[in-house]
């Protein structure tokens, strides 16, 4: 009798769980978007002063966004900013942090954002028309090619920034 009750209970359990409706939705297939993390070293020359720099750029080409962190050679943050390509006006940027040293160079922030836009986010036609950005060599990171050496000179001749792409990674999400 105990075996019959146990068997009946098991049978009811199987029937109830076997008949339960479950949704079997298949997630929509999304395209992989890549994020690149580029590590640079560089030298900012202002008049007769030379300031060694390090920097990281997180680039999301599909979203047309970049985030940049500039540091001195000891790792102290000088600038943190985000830049978003905008079809109407070119780009929008948001300054998250700027050191007092860089604030003493009024055009530096705007010029940096314009150069990042021209080098990484602009259509090729806009990027190639920038006469104050000179690139040499290339490095392949993931499935994309980046300039290995870049020299950016201020149109008024106030400063020159020389960048070297040290390493980079690609992460697919």
N, C-alpha and C. Protein backbone atom coordinates (compact mmCIF):
# COMPACT_ATOMS: atom_id res chain seq x y z
N UNK A 1 0.82 -1.18 0.00
CA UNK A 1 0.00 0.00 0.00
C UNK A 1 0.88 1.27 0.00
N UNK A 2 1.93 1.24 0.80
CA UNK A 2 2.86 2.38 0.86
C UNK A 2 3.53 2.57 -0.49
N UNK A 3 3.86 1.46 -1.15
CA UNK A 3 4.49 1.56 -2.46
C UNK A 3 3.52 2.15 -3.47
N UNK A 4 2.24 1.81 -3.37
CA UNK A 4 1.25 2.32 -4.30
C UNK A 4 1.07 3.83 -4.10
N UNK A 5 1.06 4.30 -2.85
CA UNK A 5 0.93 5.73 -2.58
C UNK A 5 2.15 6.48 -3.12
N UNK A 6 3.32 5.92 -2.92
CA UNK A 6 4.55 6.54 -3.41
C UNK A 6 4.56 6.59 -4.93
N UNK A 7 4.13 5.50 -5.55
CA UNK A 7 4.08 5.44 -7.01
C UNK A 7 3.06 6.43 -7.54
N UNK A 8 1.88 6.52 -6.87
CA UNK A 8 0.84 7.45 -7.29
C UNK A 8 1.33 8.90 -7.13
N UNK A 9 2.01 9.20 -6.03
CA UNK A 9 2.56 10.53 -5.81
C UNK A 9 3.61 10.87 -6.88
N UNK A 10 4.46 9.92 -7.21
CA UNK A 10 5.47 10.12 -8.25
C UNK A 10 4.82 10.33 -9.61
N UNK A 11 3.78 9.59 -9.90
CA UNK A 11 3.06 9.72 -11.18
C UNK A 11 2.40 11.09 -11.29
N UNK A 12 1.77 11.57 -10.21
CA UNK A 12 1.14 12.89 -10.21
C UNK A 12 2.21 13.97 -10.42
N UNK A 13 3.35 13.80 -9.75
CA UNK A 13 4.45 14.76 -9.90
C UNK A 13 4.94 14.82 -11.34
N UNK A 14 5.11 13.66 -11.94
CA UNK A 14 5.60 13.61 -13.33
C UNK A 14 4.60 14.24 -14.27
N UNK A 15 3.32 13.95 -14.06
CA UNK A 15 2.28 14.49 -14.94
C UNK A 15 2.23 16.01 -14.82
N UNK A 16 2.30 16.51 -13.60
CA UNK A 16 2.18 17.95 -13.40
C UNK A 16 3.39 18.70 -13.93
N UNK A 17 4.57 18.16 -13.72
CA UNK A 17 5.75 18.88 -14.22
C UNK A 17 5.95 18.66 -15.70
N UNK A 18 5.54 17.55 -16.20
CA UNK A 18 5.69 17.28 -17.63
C UNK A 18 4.76 18.11 -18.47
N UNK A 19 3.64 18.53 -17.92
CA UNK A 19 2.66 19.30 -18.66
C UNK A 19 2.84 20.79 -18.48
N UNK A 20 3.77 21.19 -17.65
CA UNK A 20 3.98 22.61 -17.43
C UNK A 20 4.44 23.27 -18.71
N UNK A 21 3.92 24.44 -18.96
CA UNK A 21 4.34 25.13 -20.17
C UNK A 21 5.56 25.97 -19.86
N UNK A 22 6.50 25.93 -20.73
CA UNK A 22 7.72 26.71 -20.59
C UNK A 22 7.91 27.52 -21.86
N UNK A 23 8.30 28.76 -21.67
CA UNK A 23 8.56 29.55 -22.87
C UNK A 23 9.95 29.20 -23.37
N UNK A 24 10.04 29.04 -24.63
CA UNK A 24 11.34 28.71 -25.23
C UNK A 24 11.70 29.81 -26.21
N UNK A 25 11.90 31.00 -25.68
CA UNK A 25 12.28 32.11 -26.55
C UNK A 25 13.76 32.03 -26.84
N UNK A 26 14.06 32.26 -28.08
CA UNK A 26 15.46 32.27 -28.51
C UNK A 26 15.90 33.72 -28.50
N UNK A 27 17.00 34.03 -27.82
CA UNK A 27 17.45 35.43 -27.80
C UNK A 27 17.79 35.91 -29.20
N UNK A 28 17.46 37.15 -29.45
CA UNK A 28 17.76 37.73 -30.76
C UNK A 28 19.26 37.77 -30.96
N UNK A 29 19.68 37.44 -32.15
CA UNK A 29 21.11 37.45 -32.45
C UNK A 29 21.58 38.88 -32.59
N UNK A 30 22.58 39.24 -31.82
CA UNK A 30 23.12 40.59 -31.89
C UNK A 30 24.51 40.53 -32.51
N UNK A 31 24.85 41.62 -33.17
CA UNK A 31 26.18 41.70 -33.76
C UNK A 31 27.21 41.94 -32.67
N UNK A 32 28.35 41.31 -32.83
CA UNK A 32 29.43 41.55 -31.88
C UNK A 32 29.95 42.97 -32.07
N UNK A 33 30.15 43.64 -30.97
CA UNK A 33 30.78 44.95 -31.05
C UNK A 33 32.11 44.83 -30.32
N UNK A 34 33.09 45.45 -30.88
CA UNK A 34 34.44 45.36 -30.32
C UNK A 34 34.77 46.61 -29.53
N UNK A 35 35.53 46.41 -28.48
CA UNK A 35 36.10 47.49 -27.69
C UNK A 35 37.60 47.33 -27.74
N UNK A 36 38.29 48.41 -28.05
CA UNK A 36 39.75 48.39 -28.13
C UNK A 36 40.30 49.20 -26.96
N UNK A 37 41.31 48.67 -26.32
CA UNK A 37 42.02 49.40 -25.27
C UNK A 37 43.44 49.62 -25.79
N UNK A 38 43.77 50.87 -26.06
CA UNK A 38 45.07 51.23 -26.63
C UNK A 38 45.90 51.94 -25.57
N UNK A 39 47.15 51.51 -25.41
CA UNK A 39 48.05 52.11 -24.43
C UNK A 39 49.15 52.85 -25.17
N UNK A 40 49.28 54.13 -24.86
CA UNK A 40 50.24 55.01 -25.51
C UNK A 40 51.27 55.54 -24.52
N UNK A 41 52.40 55.92 -25.05
CA UNK A 41 53.34 56.77 -24.33
C UNK A 41 53.58 57.96 -25.23
N UNK A 42 54.03 59.05 -24.65
CA UNK A 42 54.21 60.23 -25.47
C UNK A 42 55.03 61.29 -24.78
N UNK A 43 55.26 62.37 -25.53
CA UNK A 43 55.99 63.52 -25.00
C UNK A 43 55.24 64.77 -25.45
N UNK A 44 54.88 65.59 -24.47
CA UNK A 44 54.27 66.89 -24.74
C UNK A 44 55.36 67.93 -24.64
N UNK A 45 55.60 68.65 -25.72
CA UNK A 45 56.63 69.71 -25.74
C UNK A 45 55.95 71.06 -25.79
N UNK A 46 56.26 71.88 -24.79
CA UNK A 46 55.73 73.25 -24.73
C UNK A 46 56.93 74.16 -24.55
N UNK A 47 57.14 75.03 -25.52
CA UNK A 47 58.32 75.90 -25.53
C UNK A 47 59.57 75.04 -25.38
N UNK A 48 60.35 75.21 -24.33
CA UNK A 48 61.55 74.39 -24.16
C UNK A 48 61.35 73.29 -23.11
N UNK A 49 60.12 73.07 -22.66
CA UNK A 49 59.81 72.03 -21.67
C UNK A 49 59.28 70.78 -22.36
N UNK A 50 59.68 69.62 -21.81
CA UNK A 50 59.19 68.34 -22.34
C UNK A 50 58.60 67.54 -21.19
N UNK A 51 57.35 67.11 -21.37
CA UNK A 51 56.65 66.37 -20.34
C UNK A 51 56.33 64.97 -20.86
N UNK A 52 56.95 63.93 -20.28
CA UNK A 52 56.61 62.56 -20.69
C UNK A 52 55.18 62.22 -20.24
N UNK A 53 54.45 61.55 -21.09
CA UNK A 53 53.06 61.20 -20.82
C UNK A 53 52.82 59.71 -21.05
N UNK A 54 51.77 59.22 -20.42
CA UNK A 54 51.24 57.89 -20.71
C UNK A 54 49.75 58.06 -20.88
N UNK A 55 49.15 57.19 -21.62
CA UNK A 55 47.72 57.33 -21.80
C UNK A 55 47.07 56.04 -22.23
N UNK A 56 45.77 55.99 -21.98
CA UNK A 56 44.97 54.85 -22.41
C UNK A 56 43.74 55.40 -23.12
N UNK A 57 43.37 54.72 -24.18
CA UNK A 57 42.19 55.10 -24.93
C UNK A 57 41.31 53.87 -25.07
N UNK A 58 40.08 53.98 -24.59
CA UNK A 58 39.11 52.91 -24.77
C UNK A 58 38.23 53.33 -25.94
N UNK A 59 38.28 52.58 -27.01
CA UNK A 59 37.60 52.94 -28.25
C UNK A 59 36.50 51.93 -28.55
N UNK A 60 35.31 52.43 -28.81
CA UNK A 60 34.18 51.60 -29.24
C UNK A 60 33.73 52.12 -30.59
N UNK A 61 34.32 51.60 -31.68
CA UNK A 61 34.03 52.15 -33.00
C UNK A 61 32.56 52.04 -33.41
N UNK A 62 31.90 50.93 -33.07
CA UNK A 62 30.50 50.76 -33.48
C UNK A 62 29.60 51.79 -32.80
N UNK A 63 29.90 52.13 -31.55
CA UNK A 63 29.13 53.14 -30.85
C UNK A 63 29.67 54.55 -31.10
N UNK A 64 30.79 54.64 -31.80
CA UNK A 64 31.46 55.90 -32.11
C UNK A 64 31.76 56.70 -30.84
N UNK A 65 32.33 56.00 -29.84
CA UNK A 65 32.70 56.64 -28.60
C UNK A 65 34.13 56.28 -28.22
N UNK A 66 34.74 57.15 -27.45
CA UNK A 66 36.08 56.90 -26.93
C UNK A 66 36.17 57.53 -25.54
N UNK A 67 36.98 56.92 -24.72
CA UNK A 67 37.27 57.46 -23.39
C UNK A 67 38.79 57.51 -23.28
N UNK A 68 39.32 58.64 -22.85
CA UNK A 68 40.77 58.82 -22.79
C UNK A 68 41.18 59.18 -21.37
N UNK A 69 42.32 58.61 -20.97
CA UNK A 69 42.95 58.95 -19.70
C UNK A 69 44.40 59.30 -20.02
N UNK A 70 44.81 60.52 -19.65
CA UNK A 70 46.20 60.95 -19.84
C UNK A 70 46.83 61.07 -18.46
N UNK A 71 48.07 60.57 -18.34
CA UNK A 71 48.79 60.62 -17.06
C UNK A 71 50.22 61.10 -17.31
N UNK A 72 50.84 61.62 -16.26
CA UNK A 72 52.25 61.94 -16.40
C UNK A 72 53.05 60.64 -16.26
N UNK A 73 54.37 60.72 -16.34
CA UNK A 73 55.19 59.51 -16.32
C UNK A 73 55.16 58.80 -14.97
N UNK A 74 54.68 59.47 -13.92
CA UNK A 74 54.58 58.83 -12.60
C UNK A 74 53.19 58.27 -12.33
N UNK A 75 52.27 58.39 -13.31
CA UNK A 75 50.94 57.83 -13.18
C UNK A 75 49.90 58.77 -12.61
N UNK A 76 50.23 60.04 -12.41
CA UNK A 76 49.24 61.00 -11.91
C UNK A 76 48.33 61.43 -13.06
N UNK A 77 47.01 61.39 -12.83
CA UNK A 77 46.05 61.75 -13.87
C UNK A 77 46.16 63.22 -14.23
N UNK A 78 46.18 63.46 -15.53
CA UNK A 78 46.17 64.83 -16.03
C UNK A 78 44.83 65.16 -16.68
N UNK A 79 44.23 64.17 -17.35
CA UNK A 79 42.99 64.40 -18.07
C UNK A 79 42.21 63.11 -18.19
N UNK A 80 40.90 63.19 -17.95
CA UNK A 80 39.97 62.08 -18.21
C UNK A 80 38.81 62.69 -18.95
N UNK A 81 38.46 62.11 -20.10
CA UNK A 81 37.38 62.67 -20.91
C UNK A 81 36.72 61.58 -21.74
N UNK A 82 35.49 61.87 -22.15
CA UNK A 82 34.75 61.01 -23.07
C UNK A 82 34.45 61.82 -24.31
N UNK A 83 34.43 61.14 -25.44
CA UNK A 83 34.12 61.81 -26.69
C UNK A 83 33.17 60.92 -27.48
N UNK A 84 32.16 61.54 -28.07
CA UNK A 84 31.15 60.83 -28.84
C UNK A 84 31.03 61.49 -30.20
N UNK A 85 31.16 60.70 -31.25
CA UNK A 85 31.00 61.23 -32.61
C UNK A 85 29.53 61.56 -32.81
N UNK A 86 29.30 62.70 -33.43
CA UNK A 86 27.95 63.19 -33.65
C UNK A 86 27.86 63.58 -35.12
N UNK A 87 26.89 63.05 -35.82
CA UNK A 87 26.79 63.31 -37.26
C UNK A 87 26.63 64.77 -37.60
N UNK A 88 25.96 65.54 -36.76
CA UNK A 88 25.67 66.94 -37.08
C UNK A 88 26.89 67.84 -36.94
N UNK A 89 27.52 67.82 -35.77
CA UNK A 89 28.60 68.78 -35.52
C UNK A 89 29.97 68.14 -35.44
N UNK A 90 30.09 66.88 -35.71
CA UNK A 90 31.38 66.22 -35.62
C UNK A 90 31.50 65.39 -34.37
N UNK A 91 31.55 66.06 -33.20
CA UNK A 91 31.66 65.31 -31.95
C UNK A 91 31.22 66.16 -30.77
N UNK A 92 30.96 65.46 -29.68
CA UNK A 92 30.69 66.10 -28.39
C UNK A 92 31.66 65.47 -27.40
N UNK A 93 32.15 66.27 -26.48
CA UNK A 93 33.05 65.71 -25.47
C UNK A 93 32.58 66.13 -24.09
N UNK A 94 33.02 65.33 -23.13
CA UNK A 94 32.69 65.62 -21.74
C UNK A 94 33.97 65.47 -20.92
N UNK A 95 34.38 66.57 -20.31
CA UNK A 95 35.59 66.58 -19.48
C UNK A 95 35.21 66.03 -18.11
N UNK A 96 35.81 64.90 -17.74
CA UNK A 96 35.54 64.31 -16.44
C UNK A 96 36.55 64.78 -15.39
N UNK A 97 37.77 65.06 -15.83
CA UNK A 97 38.81 65.57 -14.94
C UNK A 97 39.87 66.26 -15.77
N UNK A 98 40.36 67.39 -15.27
CA UNK A 98 41.47 68.09 -15.91
C UNK A 98 42.36 68.65 -14.82
N UNK A 99 43.64 68.38 -14.92
CA UNK A 99 44.58 68.86 -13.91
C UNK A 99 44.80 70.36 -14.06
N UNK A 100 45.20 71.01 -13.00
CA UNK A 100 45.49 72.45 -13.09
C UNK A 100 46.58 72.75 -14.12
N UNK A 101 47.53 71.83 -14.27
CA UNK A 101 48.60 72.04 -15.26
C UNK A 101 48.01 72.15 -16.67
N UNK A 102 47.12 71.24 -17.04
CA UNK A 102 46.55 71.29 -18.39
C UNK A 102 45.57 72.44 -18.56
N UNK A 103 44.95 72.87 -17.49
CA UNK A 103 44.03 74.02 -17.59
C UNK A 103 44.80 75.30 -17.89
N UNK A 104 46.11 75.31 -17.64
CA UNK A 104 46.93 76.50 -17.96
C UNK A 104 47.20 76.59 -19.46
N UNK A 105 46.88 75.54 -20.20
CA UNK A 105 47.05 75.54 -21.65
C UNK A 105 45.64 75.54 -22.24
N UNK A 106 45.00 76.70 -22.38
CA UNK A 106 43.58 76.77 -22.73
C UNK A 106 43.16 75.94 -23.94
N UNK A 107 43.89 75.96 -25.05
CA UNK A 107 43.37 75.20 -26.20
C UNK A 107 43.67 73.70 -26.13
N UNK A 108 44.40 73.24 -25.13
CA UNK A 108 44.86 71.85 -25.13
C UNK A 108 43.70 70.85 -25.10
N UNK A 109 42.72 71.07 -24.24
CA UNK A 109 41.60 70.13 -24.13
C UNK A 109 40.83 70.05 -25.45
N UNK A 110 40.43 71.19 -25.98
CA UNK A 110 39.66 71.19 -27.22
C UNK A 110 40.45 70.58 -28.37
N UNK A 111 41.73 70.91 -28.43
CA UNK A 111 42.59 70.36 -29.49
C UNK A 111 42.76 68.86 -29.32
N UNK A 112 42.90 68.38 -28.08
CA UNK A 112 43.03 66.94 -27.83
C UNK A 112 41.78 66.20 -28.29
N UNK A 113 40.62 66.73 -27.95
CA UNK A 113 39.36 66.08 -28.34
C UNK A 113 39.20 66.07 -29.85
N UNK A 114 39.56 67.17 -30.50
CA UNK A 114 39.47 67.24 -31.96
C UNK A 114 40.39 66.21 -32.60
N UNK A 115 41.60 66.05 -32.05
CA UNK A 115 42.55 65.09 -32.60
C UNK A 115 42.09 63.65 -32.39
N UNK A 116 41.56 63.37 -31.22
CA UNK A 116 41.04 62.01 -30.96
C UNK A 116 39.91 61.70 -31.92
N UNK A 117 39.04 62.68 -32.13
CA UNK A 117 37.95 62.49 -33.09
C UNK A 117 38.53 62.22 -34.49
N UNK A 118 39.47 63.05 -34.91
CA UNK A 118 40.03 62.91 -36.25
C UNK A 118 40.77 61.57 -36.42
N UNK A 119 41.48 61.12 -35.38
CA UNK A 119 42.29 59.91 -35.49
C UNK A 119 41.47 58.62 -35.36
N UNK A 120 40.42 58.62 -34.54
CA UNK A 120 39.75 57.37 -34.22
C UNK A 120 38.27 57.30 -34.56
N UNK A 121 37.57 58.42 -34.63
CA UNK A 121 36.12 58.37 -34.78
C UNK A 121 35.60 58.99 -36.06
N UNK A 122 36.37 59.84 -36.71
CA UNK A 122 35.90 60.56 -37.89
C UNK A 122 35.90 59.66 -39.12
N UNK A 123 35.02 59.97 -40.06
CA UNK A 123 35.11 59.28 -41.35
C UNK A 123 36.48 59.54 -41.97
N UNK A 124 36.94 58.64 -42.79
CA UNK A 124 38.28 58.75 -43.38
C UNK A 124 38.51 60.08 -44.09
N UNK A 125 37.49 60.62 -44.74
CA UNK A 125 37.66 61.89 -45.46
C UNK A 125 38.00 63.02 -44.50
N UNK A 126 37.34 63.06 -43.34
CA UNK A 126 37.63 64.12 -42.36
C UNK A 126 38.98 63.89 -41.71
N UNK A 127 39.32 62.63 -41.43
CA UNK A 127 40.58 62.33 -40.75
C UNK A 127 41.78 62.65 -41.63
N UNK A 128 41.67 62.41 -42.91
CA UNK A 128 42.82 62.64 -43.79
C UNK A 128 43.05 64.12 -44.08
N UNK A 129 42.07 64.99 -43.79
CA UNK A 129 42.24 66.41 -44.09
C UNK A 129 42.92 67.18 -42.96
N UNK A 130 43.32 66.54 -41.90
CA UNK A 130 43.96 67.21 -40.76
C UNK A 130 45.45 67.35 -41.02
N UNK A 131 45.89 68.58 -41.25
CA UNK A 131 47.30 68.79 -41.60
C UNK A 131 48.21 68.80 -40.38
N UNK A 132 47.65 68.98 -39.18
CA UNK A 132 48.51 69.05 -38.00
C UNK A 132 48.68 67.69 -37.34
N UNK A 133 48.18 66.62 -37.95
CA UNK A 133 48.35 65.25 -37.44
C UNK A 133 49.12 64.45 -38.47
N UNK A 134 50.30 63.99 -38.07
CA UNK A 134 51.14 63.20 -38.97
C UNK A 134 51.32 61.82 -38.34
N UNK A 135 51.03 60.77 -39.11
CA UNK A 135 51.17 59.40 -38.59
C UNK A 135 52.21 58.64 -39.39
N UNK A 136 52.87 57.72 -38.69
CA UNK A 136 53.87 56.86 -39.33
C UNK A 136 53.68 55.44 -38.83
N UNK A 137 53.85 54.49 -39.71
CA UNK A 137 53.78 53.09 -39.34
C UNK A 137 52.39 52.69 -38.89
N UNK A 138 52.23 51.40 -38.63
CA UNK A 138 50.93 50.92 -38.18
C UNK A 138 51.11 49.67 -37.32
N UNK A 139 50.12 49.44 -36.47
CA UNK A 139 50.06 48.23 -35.65
C UNK A 139 48.67 47.65 -35.81
N UNK A 140 48.60 46.35 -35.97
CA UNK A 140 47.33 45.65 -36.06
C UNK A 140 46.95 45.20 -34.65
N UNK A 141 45.78 45.60 -34.21
CA UNK A 141 45.25 45.16 -32.93
C UNK A 141 43.88 44.56 -33.22
N UNK A 142 43.76 43.28 -32.91
CA UNK A 142 42.53 42.58 -33.26
C UNK A 142 42.38 42.55 -34.77
N UNK A 143 41.29 43.10 -35.26
CA UNK A 143 41.07 43.13 -36.71
C UNK A 143 41.10 44.56 -37.26
N UNK A 144 41.83 45.43 -36.58
CA UNK A 144 41.87 46.84 -36.98
C UNK A 144 43.30 47.35 -36.97
N UNK A 145 43.58 48.32 -37.83
CA UNK A 145 44.92 48.90 -37.95
C UNK A 145 44.93 50.28 -37.29
N UNK A 146 45.98 50.54 -36.49
CA UNK A 146 46.14 51.81 -35.80
C UNK A 146 47.52 52.38 -36.10
N UNK A 147 47.64 53.70 -36.02
CA UNK A 147 48.94 54.35 -36.25
C UNK A 147 49.89 54.01 -35.11
N UNK A 148 51.12 53.64 -35.46
CA UNK A 148 52.13 53.29 -34.45
C UNK A 148 52.77 54.53 -33.85
N UNK A 149 52.92 55.58 -34.64
CA UNK A 149 53.59 56.81 -34.19
C UNK A 149 52.79 57.98 -34.75
N UNK A 150 52.44 58.91 -33.88
CA UNK A 150 51.64 60.07 -34.28
C UNK A 150 52.26 61.33 -33.71
N UNK A 151 52.34 62.37 -34.54
CA UNK A 151 52.82 63.67 -34.08
C UNK A 151 51.69 64.67 -34.34
N UNK A 152 51.30 65.36 -33.27
CA UNK A 152 50.25 66.37 -33.34
C UNK A 152 50.88 67.71 -33.00
N UNK A 153 50.78 68.65 -33.92
CA UNK A 153 51.34 69.96 -33.64
C UNK A 153 50.21 70.98 -33.59
N UNK A 154 50.30 71.88 -32.64
CA UNK A 154 49.31 72.94 -32.48
C UNK A 154 49.43 73.92 -33.63
N UNK A 155 48.31 74.31 -34.24
CA UNK A 155 48.39 75.25 -35.37
C UNK A 155 49.08 76.56 -35.04
N UNK A 156 48.98 77.03 -33.79
CA UNK A 156 49.66 78.28 -33.39
C UNK A 156 51.10 78.02 -32.97
N UNK A 157 51.53 76.78 -32.95
CA UNK A 157 52.91 76.47 -32.61
C UNK A 157 53.21 76.49 -31.13
N UNK A 158 52.16 76.42 -30.30
CA UNK A 158 52.37 76.47 -28.85
C UNK A 158 52.90 75.16 -28.29
N UNK A 159 52.55 74.05 -28.88
CA UNK A 159 52.99 72.76 -28.35
C UNK A 159 53.00 71.70 -29.45
N UNK A 160 53.68 70.60 -29.14
CA UNK A 160 53.71 69.42 -30.00
C UNK A 160 53.52 68.21 -29.09
N UNK A 161 52.69 67.28 -29.53
CA UNK A 161 52.47 66.04 -28.80
C UNK A 161 52.87 64.89 -29.71
N UNK A 162 53.80 64.09 -29.21
CA UNK A 162 54.27 62.93 -29.97
C UNK A 162 53.79 61.67 -29.24
N UNK A 163 53.05 60.81 -29.94
CA UNK A 163 52.47 59.61 -29.34
C UNK A 163 53.04 58.35 -29.97
N UNK A 164 53.25 57.34 -29.12
CA UNK A 164 53.70 56.03 -29.57
C UNK A 164 52.69 55.00 -29.06
N UNK A 165 52.14 54.20 -29.95
CA UNK A 165 51.22 53.14 -29.55
C UNK A 165 52.05 51.97 -29.05
N UNK A 166 51.99 51.71 -27.75
CA UNK A 166 52.79 50.64 -27.15
C UNK A 166 52.13 49.29 -27.28
N UNK A 167 50.85 49.22 -26.93
CA UNK A 167 50.14 47.94 -26.99
C UNK A 167 48.65 48.20 -27.05
N UNK A 168 47.92 47.14 -27.27
CA UNK A 168 46.47 47.27 -27.32
C UNK A 168 45.83 45.90 -27.29
N UNK A 169 44.56 45.89 -26.94
CA UNK A 169 43.79 44.65 -26.95
C UNK A 169 42.42 44.93 -27.55
N UNK A 170 41.82 43.86 -28.05
CA UNK A 170 40.47 43.93 -28.58
C UNK A 170 39.61 42.99 -27.76
N UNK A 171 38.45 43.48 -27.34
CA UNK A 171 37.53 42.65 -26.59
C UNK A 171 36.19 42.69 -27.30
N UNK A 172 35.65 41.53 -27.65
CA UNK A 172 34.35 41.46 -28.28
C UNK A 172 33.29 41.26 -27.22
N UNK A 173 32.20 41.98 -27.39
CA UNK A 173 31.11 41.82 -26.44
C UNK A 173 29.84 41.38 -27.12
